[in-house]
């Protein structure tokens, strides 16, 4: 048995669903022989739950080709780090990475996308939070099935409500009468967003998804100036009108130096629940063409289906992904691409340096 040969074979092994290798990711930490077989320690900078089975198959194939006949024992771990944000914006205690989910106009499925991306990321093994920043129309409590709950308070901090899958949720919908309109001017809205963000006791969240209101107004400006956003996802439909506004959202993030992690096209086709026929009722390939024009990744093309609508109304995002494999794959692939893009960013070392005060 040649540990060095096996280590080289592991380094060249492909990471499933990516053009990457274990060596390129520096994932191989230790290879050792024990009485019961070959033990392999792997560590990733992203959640690996969605690729675990395929990765094991790739490793088995690679090591068999290298002459290994020992039983294999894989020990996988994820070390998700806090990554760099814009200079001058401090990170938030208990939150490693923040993903803003935005749209240029309303009605394109941004909140639905936020809830399902969060559920997909949680299923992959990450610790996930959702901040509902759509203060005029908070919908995340309903979509994540916690609309009847209230956050606890501890040491003058709000404790986010825990939804299925361990998703931590904070929303203005927990704190106001949802039947009453929120009639606030811009400064009040900005202050409310900051309080929800900074006065919540987030518990070691790897990825915090922020569901933004549509457009490019006060909340988006506050987000860019005060909150350490790692990157943004722009949701659109293939419709020309939605694409015009989506370009504005992308342009806004560019102006405030928030990187775009990708474009996600929602309602790409309507799938008939009776016969399964797919029809592009809002046009075809609009999101794909937008992503190509802006030179940003296309994270996925999501169909308009009855199952998604029913799951959002009933607050069963996790069950949706468990019961509908095709829908689950689209959201999981998108969440995995987001995690990969974030893992490629430089690490944040701001907390490693002491705060210097000049008197």
Protein backbone atom coordinates (compact mmCIF):
# COMPACT_ATOMS: atom_id res chain seq x y z
CA UNK A 1 0.00 0.00 0.00
CA UNK A 2 1.32 3.45 -1.03
CA UNK A 3 -0.22 6.34 0.93
CA UNK A 4 1.56 8.88 -1.26
CA UNK A 5 0.08 7.37 -4.43
CA UNK A 6 -3.40 7.37 -2.91
CA UNK A 7 -2.99 10.98 -1.78
CA UNK A 8 -2.07 12.03 -5.33
CA UNK A 9 -5.09 10.17 -6.67
CA UNK A 10 -7.33 11.93 -4.16
CA UNK A 11 -5.91 15.33 -5.09
CA UNK A 12 -6.90 14.73 -8.72
CA UNK A 13 -10.42 13.53 -7.84
CA UNK A 14 -13.23 15.75 -9.14
CA UNK A 15 -15.58 17.59 -6.79
CA UNK A 16 -19.04 16.61 -8.12
CA UNK A 17 -21.04 19.19 -10.09
CA UNK A 18 -17.98 21.44 -10.43
CA UNK A 19 -14.80 21.68 -12.55
CA UNK A 20 -12.81 21.57 -9.28
CA UNK A 21 -10.64 18.89 -7.69
CA UNK A 22 -10.03 17.91 -4.09
CA UNK A 23 -6.44 19.08 -4.47
CA UNK A 24 -7.48 22.45 -5.81
CA UNK A 25 -9.81 22.89 -2.84
CA UNK A 26 -7.06 21.77 -0.43
CA UNK A 27 -9.65 19.39 0.97
CA UNK A 28 -7.42 16.37 1.63
CA UNK A 29 -6.25 16.75 5.21
CA UNK A 30 -5.08 13.27 6.15
CA UNK A 31 -4.84 9.76 4.69
CA UNK A 32 -4.01 6.93 7.07
CA UNK A 33 -4.07 3.16 7.20
CA UNK A 34 -5.84 1.45 10.10
CA UNK A 35 -6.82 -2.15 10.79
CA UNK A 36 -10.26 -1.76 9.24
CA UNK A 37 -9.12 0.00 6.04
CA UNK A 38 -8.05 3.34 4.61
CA UNK A 39 -9.28 6.41 6.49
CA UNK A 40 -9.52 9.72 4.62
CA UNK A 41 -10.10 13.10 6.29
CA UNK A 42 -11.59 15.76 4.02
CA UNK A 43 -12.53 19.35 4.92
CA UNK A 44 -14.41 21.81 2.72
CA UNK A 45 -15.10 25.54 2.87
CA UNK A 46 -18.72 24.96 1.84
CA UNK A 47 -21.57 22.60 2.81
CA UNK A 48 -21.15 19.23 1.09
CA UNK A 49 -24.41 17.44 1.85
CA UNK A 50 -25.70 17.56 -1.73
CA UNK A 51 -22.54 16.01 -3.23
CA UNK A 52 -21.64 13.50 -0.51
CA UNK A 53 -22.81 10.36 -2.31
CA UNK A 54 -21.35 11.37 -5.69
CA UNK A 55 -18.08 12.37 -4.02
CA UNK A 56 -17.78 8.98 -2.33
CA UNK A 57 -18.30 7.31 -5.71
CA UNK A 58 -15.63 9.51 -7.34
CA UNK A 59 -13.15 8.69 -4.58
CA UNK A 60 -13.86 4.95 -4.82
CA UNK A 61 -13.25 5.07 -8.58
CA UNK A 62 -10.04 7.11 -8.28
CA UNK A 63 -8.50 4.95 -5.55
CA UNK A 64 -9.46 1.70 -7.25
CA UNK A 65 -7.67 2.95 -10.37
CA UNK A 66 -4.65 3.72 -8.15
CA UNK A 67 -4.59 0.11 -6.94
CA UNK A 68 -6.37 0.49 -3.60
CA UNK A 69 -8.33 -2.58 -2.51
CA UNK A 70 -8.82 -1.54 1.12
CA UNK A 71 -12.23 -0.65 2.56
CA UNK A 72 -12.60 3.14 2.53
CA UNK A 73 -13.73 5.27 5.47
CA UNK A 74 -14.47 8.91 4.63
CA UNK A 75 -14.51 11.55 7.36
CA UNK A 76 -15.98 14.77 5.97
CA UNK A 77 -16.24 18.16 7.64
CA UNK A 78 -17.12 21.72 6.61
CA UNK A 79 -15.28 24.74 7.96
CA UNK A 80 -17.31 27.67 6.65
CA UNK A 81 -15.43 30.91 7.25
CA UNK A 82 -16.34 34.57 7.42
CA UNK A 83 -15.38 36.14 4.11
CA UNK A 84 -14.37 39.63 3.11
CA UNK A 85 -16.91 42.40 2.67
CA UNK A 86 -16.55 46.06 1.72
CA UNK A 87 -13.91 48.07 3.62
CA UNK A 88 -15.21 49.98 6.61
CA UNK A 89 -18.22 47.69 7.26
CA UNK A 90 -17.87 45.54 10.38
CA UNK A 91 -19.02 41.94 10.49
CA UNK A 92 -21.94 40.94 12.72
CA UNK A 93 -21.59 38.70 15.74
CA UNK A 94 -22.99 35.24 15.08
CA UNK A 95 -23.17 35.70 11.29
CA UNK A 96 -20.43 34.56 8.92
CA UNK A 97 -21.80 35.45 5.48
CA UNK A 98 -24.75 37.57 4.33
CA UNK A 99 -26.55 37.02 1.03
CA UNK A 100 -28.96 39.71 -0.17
CA UNK A 101 -31.79 38.40 -2.35
CA UNK A 102 -33.14 41.24 -4.49
CA UNK A 103 -35.35 42.01 -7.46
CA UNK A 104 -35.94 45.08 -9.57
CA UNK A 105 -39.72 44.73 -9.36
CA UNK A 106 -42.28 42.97 -7.22
CA UNK A 107 -44.09 39.76 -8.07
CA UNK A 108 -41.14 37.85 -9.54
CA UNK A 109 -40.91 35.35 -6.66
CA UNK A 110 -38.05 36.87 -4.67
CA UNK A 111 -39.43 35.89 -1.27
CA UNK A 112 -40.26 32.38 -2.50
CA UNK A 113 -36.72 32.07 -3.81
CA UNK A 114 -35.27 33.28 -0.49
CA UNK A 115 -37.23 30.73 1.54
CA UNK A 116 -36.34 27.83 -0.77
CA UNK A 117 -32.66 28.77 -1.08
CA UNK A 118 -32.48 28.87 2.72
CA UNK A 119 -34.19 25.47 2.97
CA UNK A 120 -31.85 24.00 0.35
CA UNK A 121 -28.77 25.36 2.11
CA UNK A 122 -30.00 23.92 5.43
CA UNK A 123 -30.54 20.50 3.82
CA UNK A 124 -26.94 20.63 2.62
CA UNK A 125 -25.78 20.86 6.23
CA UNK A 126 -25.21 24.59 6.73
CA UNK A 127 -26.45 26.72 9.62
CA UNK A 128 -28.86 29.15 7.98
CA UNK A 129 -30.74 32.31 8.91
CA UNK A 130 -33.35 34.43 7.12
CA UNK A 131 -33.86 38.15 7.76
CA UNK A 132 -37.12 39.45 6.30
CA UNK A 133 -36.18 42.99 5.26
CA UNK A 134 -39.32 43.48 3.17
CA UNK A 135 -40.75 45.62 5.96
CA UNK A 136 -43.83 46.74 4.04
CA UNK A 137 -44.84 43.19 3.11
CA UNK A 138 -43.15 40.61 5.37
CA UNK A 139 -43.88 37.10 4.15
CA UNK A 140 -41.03 34.90 5.43
CA UNK A 141 -42.81 33.90 8.68
CA UNK A 142 -45.67 32.44 6.63
CA UNK A 143 -43.44 30.83 4.00
CA UNK A 144 -41.27 29.19 6.67
CA UNK A 145 -44.23 28.12 8.82
CA UNK A 146 -43.55 30.26 11.92
CA UNK A 147 -46.17 32.99 11.54
CA UNK A 148 -47.77 32.12 14.91
CA UNK A 149 -44.49 32.41 16.84
CA UNK A 150 -42.81 35.39 18.52
CA UNK A 151 -39.09 35.95 19.16
CA UNK A 152 -37.94 35.73 22.77
CA UNK A 153 -35.86 38.46 24.39
CA UNK A 154 -32.64 37.90 26.29
CA UNK A 155 -30.18 40.56 27.50
CA UNK A 156 -32.02 43.18 25.40
CA UNK A 157 -31.53 41.03 22.30
CA UNK A 158 -34.18 39.35 20.15
CA UNK A 159 -33.74 35.59 19.75
CA UNK A 160 -34.66 34.61 16.18
CA UNK A 161 -37.50 32.13 15.79
CA UNK A 162 -36.35 28.68 14.71
CA UNK A 163 -38.17 27.18 11.70
CA UNK A 164 -37.99 23.63 10.34
CA UNK A 165 -34.46 22.54 9.52
CA UNK A 166 -33.01 24.81 12.21
CA UNK A 167 -33.44 27.94 10.05
CA UNK A 168 -33.25 31.07 12.23
CA UNK A 169 -35.87 33.63 11.20
CA UNK A 170 -36.27 37.30 12.09
CA UNK A 171 -38.96 39.52 10.59
CA UNK A 172 -40.85 42.71 11.32
CA UNK A 173 -43.88 40.47 10.86
CA UNK A 174 -43.22 39.05 14.33
CA UNK A 175 -43.33 42.50 15.92
CA UNK A 176 -46.23 44.32 14.26
CA UNK A 177 -49.86 43.52 13.47
CA UNK A 178 -49.60 41.95 10.02
CA UNK A 179 -53.17 43.04 9.22
CA UNK A 180 -52.14 46.70 9.57
CA UNK A 181 -50.20 48.60 6.94
CA UNK A 182 -46.65 49.69 7.88
CA UNK A 183 -46.80 53.41 7.04
CA UNK A 184 -43.24 54.52 7.74
CA UNK A 185 -40.99 57.07 6.14
CA UNK A 186 -37.55 56.13 4.85
CA UNK A 187 -35.52 56.90 8.02
CA UNK A 188 -37.85 54.77 10.16
CA UNK A 189 -37.58 51.88 7.73
CA UNK A 190 -33.79 52.08 7.69
CA UNK A 191 -33.65 52.20 11.48
CA UNK A 192 -35.98 49.21 11.77
CA UNK A 193 -33.81 47.18 9.42
CA UNK A 194 -30.68 47.93 11.42
CA UNK A 195 -32.41 47.00 14.67
CA UNK A 196 -33.59 43.68 13.24
CA UNK A 197 -30.07 42.98 12.00
CA UNK A 198 -27.90 44.15 14.89
CA UNK A 199 -30.21 43.57 17.87
CA UNK A 200 -30.91 39.94 17.03
CA UNK A 201 -28.87 37.21 18.73
CA UNK A 202 -27.88 35.13 15.72
CA UNK A 203 -26.49 31.73 16.68
CA UNK A 204 -23.43 30.85 14.58
CA UNK A 205 -25.11 31.36 11.20
CA UNK A 206 -23.03 30.27 8.19
CA UNK A 207 -25.29 31.98 5.64
CA UNK A 208 -27.87 34.66 6.39
CA UNK A 209 -30.30 35.32 3.54
CA UNK A 210 -31.83 38.81 3.51
CA UNK A 211 -35.16 39.05 1.70
CA UNK A 212 -35.12 42.62 0.37
CA UNK A 213 -38.13 44.62 -0.81
CA UNK A 214 -38.30 45.13 -4.58
CA UNK A 215 -36.64 48.12 -6.16
CA UNK A 216 -33.64 50.29 -5.27
CA UNK A 217 -34.78 52.46 -2.36
CA UNK A 218 -33.96 53.29 1.26
CA UNK A 219 -33.56 49.73 2.52
CA UNK A 220 -31.14 48.83 -0.26
CA UNK A 221 -29.11 51.97 0.49
CA UNK A 222 -28.99 51.15 4.20
CA UNK A 223 -27.95 47.61 3.34
CA UNK A 224 -25.04 48.83 1.24
CA UNK A 225 -23.83 51.36 3.82
CA UNK A 226 -24.34 49.61 7.16
CA UNK A 227 -24.60 45.84 6.68
CA UNK A 228 -21.67 43.57 5.71
CA UNK A 229 -23.19 41.90 2.67
CA UNK A 230 -21.01 39.16 1.16
CA UNK A 231 -22.86 39.12 -2.15
CA UNK A 232 -26.26 39.48 -3.82
CA UNK A 233 -28.59 37.24 -5.80
CA UNK A 234 -30.94 38.96 -8.28
CA UNK A 235 -34.26 37.24 -9.02
CA UNK A 236 -36.16 37.92 -12.24
CA UNK A 237 -38.66 36.36 -14.60
CA UNK A 238 -37.99 35.95 -18.33
CA UNK A 239 -40.43 38.79 -19.07
CA UNK A 240 -38.90 41.86 -20.74
CA UNK A 241 -40.39 44.27 -18.17
CA UNK A 242 -38.90 42.30 -15.28
CA UNK A 243 -35.52 42.12 -17.02
CA UNK A 244 -35.37 45.90 -17.40
CA UNK A 245 -35.82 46.31 -13.65
CA UNK A 246 -33.45 43.43 -12.87
CA UNK A 247 -30.68 45.25 -14.77
CA UNK A 248 -31.29 48.26 -12.51
CA UNK A 249 -30.90 46.09 -9.42
CA UNK A 250 -27.62 44.66 -10.73
CA UNK A 251 -26.41 48.16 -11.54
CA UNK A 252 -27.29 49.35 -8.03
CA UNK A 253 -25.23 46.62 -6.38
CA UNK A 254 -22.35 47.44 -8.68
CA UNK A 255 -22.41 51.08 -7.63
CA UNK A 256 -22.21 50.19 -3.93
CA UNK A 257 -19.51 47.53 -4.46
CA UNK A 258 -21.60 44.50 -3.53
CA UNK A 259 -20.66 41.57 -5.81
CA UNK A 260 -23.39 39.74 -7.71
CA UNK A 261 -23.32 36.02 -6.93
CA UNK A 262 -25.71 35.29 -9.77
CA UNK A 263 -29.08 35.74 -11.46
CA UNK A 264 -31.90 33.31 -10.77
CA UNK A 265 -34.70 33.11 -13.33
CA UNK A 266 -38.04 32.30 -11.73
CA UNK A 267 -41.22 31.23 -13.54
CA UNK A 268 -39.14 30.17 -16.55
CA UNK A 269 -41.94 27.86 -17.70
CA UNK A 270 -45.38 26.92 -16.43
CA UNK A 271 -45.79 23.19 -15.86
CA UNK A 272 -49.35 21.93 -16.09
CA UNK A 273 -50.28 19.92 -12.99
CA UNK A 274 -52.57 17.66 -15.06
CA UNK A 275 -50.54 16.73 -18.13
CA UNK A 276 -47.04 18.02 -17.33
CA UNK A 277 -46.88 20.22 -20.44
CA UNK A 278 -44.34 23.05 -20.11
CA UNK A 279 -45.10 26.46 -21.59
CA UNK A 280 -42.93 29.62 -21.47
CA UNK A 281 -45.78 32.01 -20.64
CA UNK A 282 -43.42 34.86 -19.65
CA UNK A 283 -40.97 34.40 -22.54
CA UNK A 284 -37.92 32.19 -22.91
CA UNK A 285 -34.29 32.48 -21.78
CA UNK A 286 -34.63 36.05 -20.52
CA UNK A 287 -32.72 35.44 -17.29
CA UNK A 288 -30.08 33.39 -19.10
CA UNK A 289 -29.50 36.16 -21.63
CA UNK A 290 -29.37 38.78 -18.86
CA UNK A 291 -26.76 36.80 -16.94
CA UNK A 292 -24.65 36.40 -20.09
CA UNK A 293 -24.93 40.10 -20.92
CA UNK A 294 -23.89 41.13 -17.42
CA UNK A 295 -21.20 38.43 -17.18
CA UNK A 296 -22.60 36.94 -13.97
CA UNK A 297 -23.56 33.29 -13.29
CA UNK A 298 -27.04 32.00 -14.07
CA UNK A 299 -27.90 30.14 -10.87
CA UNK A 300 -30.91 28.35 -12.26
CA UNK A 301 -34.22 28.48 -14.12
CA UNK A 302 -37.15 27.68 -11.86
CA UNK A 303 -40.56 26.58 -13.17
CA UNK A 304 -43.90 28.02 -12.12
CA UNK A 305 -45.64 25.09 -10.44
CA UNK A 306 -48.63 24.54 -8.20
CA UNK A 307 -46.49 22.61 -5.70
CA UNK A 308 -44.27 25.64 -4.98
CA UNK A 309 -47.25 27.94 -4.44
CA UNK A 310 -48.95 25.47 -2.10
CA UNK A 311 -45.75 24.94 -0.09
CA UNK A 312 -45.20 28.68 0.40
CA UNK A 313 -48.79 29.24 1.51
CA UNK A 314 -48.58 26.36 3.98
CA UNK A 315 -45.06 27.13 5.24
CA UNK A 316 -43.58 23.81 4.18
CA UNK A 317 -40.45 24.70 2.19
CA UNK A 318 -38.47 21.72 3.48
CA UNK A 319 -41.25 19.27 2.65
CA UNK A 320 -41.44 20.78 -0.85
CA UNK A 321 -37.79 19.94 -1.45
CA UNK A 322 -38.14 16.47 0.07
CA UNK A 323 -41.24 15.56 -1.96
CA UNK A 324 -40.30 17.08 -5.33
CA UNK A 325 -36.80 15.99 -6.38
CA UNK A 326 -36.71 18.05 -9.60
CA UNK A 327 -37.57 21.26 -7.77
CA UNK A 328 -35.15 20.35 -4.97
CA UNK A 329 -32.32 19.84 -7.47
CA UNK A 330 -32.79 23.30 -9.01
CA UNK A 331 -32.74 25.10 -5.66
CA UNK A 332 -29.94 22.89 -4.30
CA UNK A 333 -27.77 23.49 -7.37
CA UNK A 334 -28.32 27.25 -6.99
CA UNK A 335 -27.52 27.20 -3.27
CA UNK A 336 -24.40 25.11 -3.93
CA UNK A 337 -23.17 27.60 -6.56
CA UNK A 338 -23.70 30.44 -4.07
CA UNK A 339 -21.74 28.60 -1.38
CA UNK A 340 -18.90 27.86 -3.82
CA UNK A 341 -18.71 31.50 -4.94
CA UNK A 342 -18.54 32.67 -1.33
CA UNK A 343 -15.87 30.10 -0.44
CA UNK A 344 -13.67 31.56 -3.18
CA UNK A 345 -13.66 35.00 -1.56
CA UNK A 346 -10.82 36.10 0.66
CA UNK A 347 -11.11 35.41 4.36
CA UNK A 348 -12.06 38.23 6.73
CA UNK A 349 -9.26 38.91 9.23
CA UNK A 350 -10.66 42.13 10.68
CA UNK A 351 -11.32 40.57 14.09
CA UNK A 352 -7.75 39.31 14.30
CA UNK A 353 -6.44 42.83 14.75
CA UNK A 354 -6.92 44.94 17.88
CA UNK A 355 -8.97 48.10 17.72
CA UNK A 356 -6.59 51.06 17.87
CA UNK A 357 -7.77 54.20 19.62
CA UNK A 358 -5.76 57.41 19.24
CA UNK A 359 -6.18 59.75 22.20
